[in-house]
Amino acid sequence: MAEKSPRTPIHAIPDDPEASTYRFIIVAAKRARQLQAGQRSYLPSTSKKPTVAAMEETRRGLVSYYDPVAEAESAADNGEQV
């Protein structure tokens, strides 16, 4: 039977109560697709796997994303019409 490898911090999904795990996974997956398509990584990496690089970039906050739901909620809180 194969032994389970311990979860290293580089492969762990952040446990931030303010951030969404689902959002982290979606943003990292889209960034991994960009890396596979030939975009350069923001970090010097020893890993050749785009998913690992994308997760680390996302974890460090180097990948920007647009959240239309959060923007709509913010606009509603300010009394603006969406």
Protein backbone atom coordinates (compact mmCIF):
# COMPACT_ATOMS: atom_id res chain seq x y z
CA MET A 1 0.00 0.00 0.00
CA ALA A 2 1.34 3.41 -0.94
CA GLU A 3 2.05 5.82 1.86
CA LYS A 4 0.42 9.20 1.85
CA SER A 5 2.85 12.04 1.48
CA PRO A 6 2.56 14.78 4.09
CA ARG A 7 0.88 17.96 2.89
CA THR A 8 3.49 20.57 2.42
CA PRO A 9 2.57 24.25 2.72
CA ILE A 10 3.14 24.80 -1.01
CA HIS A 11 0.38 22.30 -1.87
CA ALA A 12 -2.08 23.32 0.84
CA ILE A 13 -5.16 25.40 0.19
CA PRO A 14 -5.16 28.44 2.49
CA ASP A 15 -7.49 28.31 5.49
CA ASP A 16 -8.34 31.99 5.48
CA PRO A 17 -11.90 32.52 6.79
CA GLU A 18 -12.20 35.77 4.82
CA ALA A 19 -11.22 34.14 1.52
CA SER A 20 -13.19 31.53 -0.36
CA THR A 21 -11.56 28.16 -0.99
CA TYR A 22 -13.68 27.83 -4.13
CA ARG A 23 -12.43 31.22 -5.40
CA PHE A 24 -8.82 30.21 -4.69
CA ILE A 25 -9.21 27.01 -6.71
CA ILE A 26 -10.90 28.74 -9.66
CA VAL A 27 -8.32 31.57 -9.79
CA ALA A 28 -5.40 29.12 -9.50
CA ALA A 29 -6.89 26.88 -12.23
CA LYS A 30 -7.31 29.80 -14.62
CA ARG A 31 -3.76 30.95 -13.89
CA ALA A 32 -2.47 27.41 -14.52
CA ARG A 33 -4.17 27.45 -17.92
CA GLN A 34 -2.43 30.75 -18.70
CA LEU A 35 0.93 29.25 -17.72
CA GLN A 36 0.26 26.18 -19.89
CA ALA A 37 -0.53 28.50 -22.80
CA GLY A 38 2.92 30.04 -22.51
CA GLN A 39 2.60 32.99 -20.13
CA ARG A 40 5.61 33.54 -17.90
CA SER A 41 5.42 32.86 -14.19
CA TYR A 42 5.60 35.75 -11.72
CA LEU A 43 7.91 33.70 -9.50
CA PRO A 44 11.15 31.92 -10.19
CA SER A 45 10.14 28.31 -9.74
CA THR A 46 11.92 25.00 -9.51
CA SER A 47 8.65 23.21 -10.26
CA LYS A 48 7.81 22.42 -13.84
CA LYS A 49 4.13 21.90 -13.02
CA PRO A 50 1.97 24.90 -13.89
CA THR A 51 -0.62 24.01 -11.24
CA VAL A 52 1.96 24.23 -8.44
CA ALA A 53 3.28 27.56 -9.73
CA ALA A 54 -0.27 28.91 -10.14
CA MET A 55 -1.25 27.92 -6.60
CA GLU A 56 1.82 29.61 -5.14
CA GLU A 57 1.24 32.78 -7.17
CA THR A 58 -2.40 32.87 -6.08
CA ARG A 59 -1.51 32.19 -2.43
CA ARG A 60 0.95 35.10 -2.44
CA GLY A 61 -1.60 37.46 -3.99
CA LEU A 62 0.29 37.95 -7.26
CA VAL A 63 -2.69 37.01 -9.41
CA SER A 64 -5.40 39.64 -9.74
CA TYR A 65 -8.99 38.67 -10.42
CA TYR A 66 -12.37 40.30 -10.85
CA ASP A 67 -15.24 39.28 -8.56
CA PRO A 68 -18.54 40.60 -9.96
CA VAL A 69 -20.55 39.34 -6.97
CA ALA A 70 -18.43 41.25 -4.45
CA GLU A 71 -18.60 44.37 -6.60
CA ALA A 72 -22.40 44.13 -6.85
CA GLU A 73 -22.70 43.70 -3.08
CA SER A 74 -20.42 46.68 -2.51
CA ALA A 75 -22.47 48.81 -4.89
CA ALA A 76 -25.71 47.74 -3.16
CA ASP A 77 -24.25 48.66 0.24
CA ASN A 78 -23.39 52.13 -1.11
CA GLY A 79 -26.92 52.62 -2.46
CA GLU A 80 -25.89 52.47 -6.10
CA GLN A 81 -28.07 50.82 -8.72
CA VAL A 82 -26.50 47.83 -10.44
